[in-house]
Amino acid sequence: MKKIKAIITILVILIGANIALAWEARIDIKAGNTETGINIGQRVDATDGIDGLYDVPALLSGNLQAYIKAGDEKLWRDIRREGSDSVWELVIESLIDGDVIIKWDIDRLPSEKRVELIDGLLRIDMKSVDSYIYRNEGVKTLRIEVRR
């Protein structure tokens, strides 16, 4: 009986540690009536490079396209290794006039890290606000930084 309790305790600790060492957030992008999105995150078993387990190539078409630029690759989902600082390059291409709205769920971001959306010199604390709006420029490159 003591062995079973010990095994259960160890499993609970391991499962809890895995949950604490993983996060994923969706970033939604909208221009006019068109929407798209990307996913970023970190997991202990992911790599900082392109891997087939968590990273998903972008299949781009239409008047609004968004992707994570990772070297020569364009991704809709990019999960990096937990335990390191990460920077994602978010590229948004739009043929739609007007504002582009970027939204995210603050509760999906890691609470113990700093998370910023960077547009040139402007740094937005993504854990304080849940959206960012800019006037469409055709192609826009932003950065998302996650740091301890």
Protein backbone atom coordinates (compact mmCIF):
# COMPACT_ATOMS: atom_id res chain seq x y z
CA MET A 1 0.00 0.00 0.00
CA LYS A 2 2.86 2.37 0.81
CA LYS A 3 4.38 1.65 -2.63
CA ILE A 4 1.13 2.55 -4.36
CA LYS A 5 0.86 5.84 -2.41
CA ALA A 6 4.47 6.66 -3.25
CA ILE A 7 3.90 5.95 -6.95
CA ILE A 8 0.73 8.06 -7.00
CA THR A 9 2.54 10.92 -5.24
CA ILE A 10 5.40 10.80 -7.75
CA LEU A 11 2.95 10.75 -10.68
CA VAL A 12 1.06 13.75 -9.31
CA ILE A 13 4.33 15.66 -8.91
CA LEU A 14 5.50 14.78 -12.42
CA ILE A 15 2.17 15.66 -14.03
CA GLY A 16 2.00 18.91 -12.08
CA ALA A 17 5.57 19.78 -13.09
CA ASN A 18 4.79 19.11 -16.75
CA ILE A 19 1.73 21.35 -16.63
CA ALA A 20 3.73 24.14 -14.95
CA LEU A 21 6.45 23.82 -17.59
CA ALA A 22 4.13 24.21 -20.58
CA TRP A 23 2.03 27.04 -21.97
CA GLU A 24 0.48 27.91 -25.32
CA ALA A 25 -1.33 31.03 -26.45
CA ARG A 26 -3.29 31.81 -29.59
CA ILE A 27 -2.78 35.21 -31.20
CA ASP A 28 -5.80 36.23 -33.29
CA ILE A 29 -5.42 38.75 -36.12
CA LYS A 30 -8.36 40.51 -37.76
CA ALA A 31 -8.61 43.00 -40.63
CA GLY A 32 -12.06 43.99 -41.83
CA ASN A 33 -14.19 40.81 -41.78
CA THR A 34 -11.19 38.50 -42.26
CA GLU A 35 -9.52 36.64 -39.40
CA THR A 36 -6.51 34.40 -38.98
CA GLY A 37 -4.18 33.46 -36.16
CA ILE A 38 -1.00 31.83 -34.94
CA ASN A 39 -0.02 29.90 -31.81
CA ILE A 40 3.14 30.31 -29.74
CA GLY A 41 4.24 28.59 -26.57
CA GLN A 42 6.87 26.66 -24.67
CA ARG A 43 7.15 23.04 -23.50
CA VAL A 44 9.89 21.13 -21.74
CA ASP A 45 10.03 18.52 -24.52
CA ALA A 46 10.03 20.97 -27.45
CA THR A 47 13.09 22.26 -29.28
CA ASP A 48 14.01 25.81 -30.26
CA GLY A 49 14.36 24.61 -33.85
CA ILE A 50 11.72 23.33 -36.24
CA ASP A 51 10.33 20.01 -35.03
CA GLY A 52 7.50 17.88 -36.34
CA LEU A 53 5.94 17.38 -32.93
CA TYR A 54 4.71 20.91 -32.13
CA ASP A 55 5.48 23.20 -35.07
CA VAL A 56 2.94 23.56 -37.89
CA PRO A 57 3.86 25.04 -41.30
CA ALA A 58 1.66 27.90 -42.50
CA LEU A 59 -0.53 27.32 -45.55
CA LEU A 60 -0.98 30.88 -46.73
CA SER A 61 -3.67 32.32 -48.99
CA GLY A 62 -6.15 35.17 -49.04
CA ASN A 63 -6.12 38.87 -48.24
CA LEU A 64 -4.88 38.44 -44.65
CA GLN A 65 -1.93 36.22 -43.84
CA ALA A 66 -0.10 35.83 -40.54
CA TYR A 67 2.79 33.57 -39.68
CA ILE A 68 5.80 33.13 -37.44
CA LYS A 69 9.03 33.51 -39.38
CA ALA A 70 11.53 30.91 -38.20
CA GLY A 71 14.58 31.06 -40.44
CA ASP A 72 13.31 30.25 -43.94
CA GLU A 73 10.14 28.62 -42.54
CA LYS A 74 6.70 30.16 -42.10
CA LEU A 75 4.72 28.63 -39.23
CA TRP A 76 1.21 28.87 -37.84
CA ARG A 77 2.29 27.18 -34.61
CA ASP A 78 5.74 27.48 -33.04
CA ILE A 79 6.39 25.85 -29.67
CA ARG A 80 9.83 26.45 -28.20
CA ARG A 81 11.83 24.83 -25.41
CA GLU A 82 10.72 25.81 -21.90
CA GLY A 83 13.43 27.19 -19.67
CA SER A 84 14.89 29.60 -22.22
CA ASP A 85 14.00 33.11 -23.32
CA SER A 86 12.21 33.12 -26.67
CA VAL A 87 11.60 35.64 -29.44
CA TRP A 88 9.04 35.06 -32.19
CA GLU A 89 8.95 37.15 -35.36
CA LEU A 90 5.28 37.67 -36.27
CA VAL A 91 4.67 38.73 -39.88
CA ILE A 92 1.25 40.04 -40.94
CA GLU A 93 0.49 40.65 -44.61
CA SER A 94 -2.81 42.34 -45.41
CA LEU A 95 -4.44 43.68 -48.57
CA ILE A 96 -7.38 45.02 -46.51
CA ASP A 97 -7.61 48.77 -45.86
CA GLY A 98 -8.12 49.96 -42.30
CA ASP A 99 -7.04 48.74 -38.90
CA VAL A 100 -5.46 45.41 -38.08
CA ILE A 101 -6.45 44.09 -34.65
CA ILE A 102 -4.26 41.64 -32.75
CA LYS A 103 -5.85 39.93 -29.72
CA TRP A 104 -4.74 37.33 -27.17
CA ASP A 105 -5.94 35.77 -23.92
CA ILE A 106 -3.84 37.11 -21.03
CA ASP A 107 -4.65 34.02 -18.95
CA ARG A 108 -2.90 31.77 -21.52
CA LEU A 109 0.45 33.59 -21.08
CA PRO A 110 3.05 32.40 -18.54
CA SER A 111 2.52 34.24 -15.25
CA GLU A 112 6.14 34.01 -14.11
CA LYS A 113 7.65 35.60 -17.25
CA ARG A 114 7.66 38.96 -19.01
CA VAL A 115 5.78 38.83 -22.33
CA GLU A 116 5.99 41.77 -24.73
CA LEU A 117 4.73 42.55 -28.22
CA ILE A 118 7.24 44.86 -29.92
CA ASP A 119 6.40 47.20 -32.79
CA GLY A 120 9.52 49.22 -33.58
CA LEU A 121 10.30 51.19 -30.42
CA LEU A 122 6.88 50.50 -28.89
CA ARG A 123 6.81 47.69 -26.30
CA ILE A 124 3.39 46.38 -25.20
CA ASP A 125 3.10 44.36 -21.99
CA MET A 126 0.89 41.50 -23.20
CA LYS A 127 -0.04 40.58 -19.62
CA SER A 128 -1.49 44.06 -18.97
CA VAL A 129 -3.54 44.52 -22.15
CA ASP A 130 -5.20 41.92 -24.40
CA SER A 131 -4.99 43.61 -27.80
CA TYR A 132 -3.04 45.90 -30.10
CA ILE A 133 -4.35 47.85 -33.09
CA TYR A 134 -2.37 49.39 -35.91
CA ARG A 135 -3.21 50.96 -39.27
CA ASN A 136 -2.59 48.50 -42.12
CA GLU A 137 0.78 49.01 -43.83
CA GLY A 138 0.62 46.02 -46.20
CA VAL A 139 3.37 43.95 -44.54
CA LYS A 140 4.09 44.38 -40.83
CA THR A 141 6.73 42.56 -38.79
CA LEU A 142 6.35 42.47 -35.01
CA ARG A 143 8.25 40.60 -32.33
CA ILE A 144 6.94 38.73 -29.32
CA GLU A 145 9.49 38.32 -26.52
CA VAL A 146 9.15 35.98 -23.55
CA ARG A 147 11.78 36.55 -20.88
CA ARG A 148 12.35 35.64 -17.26
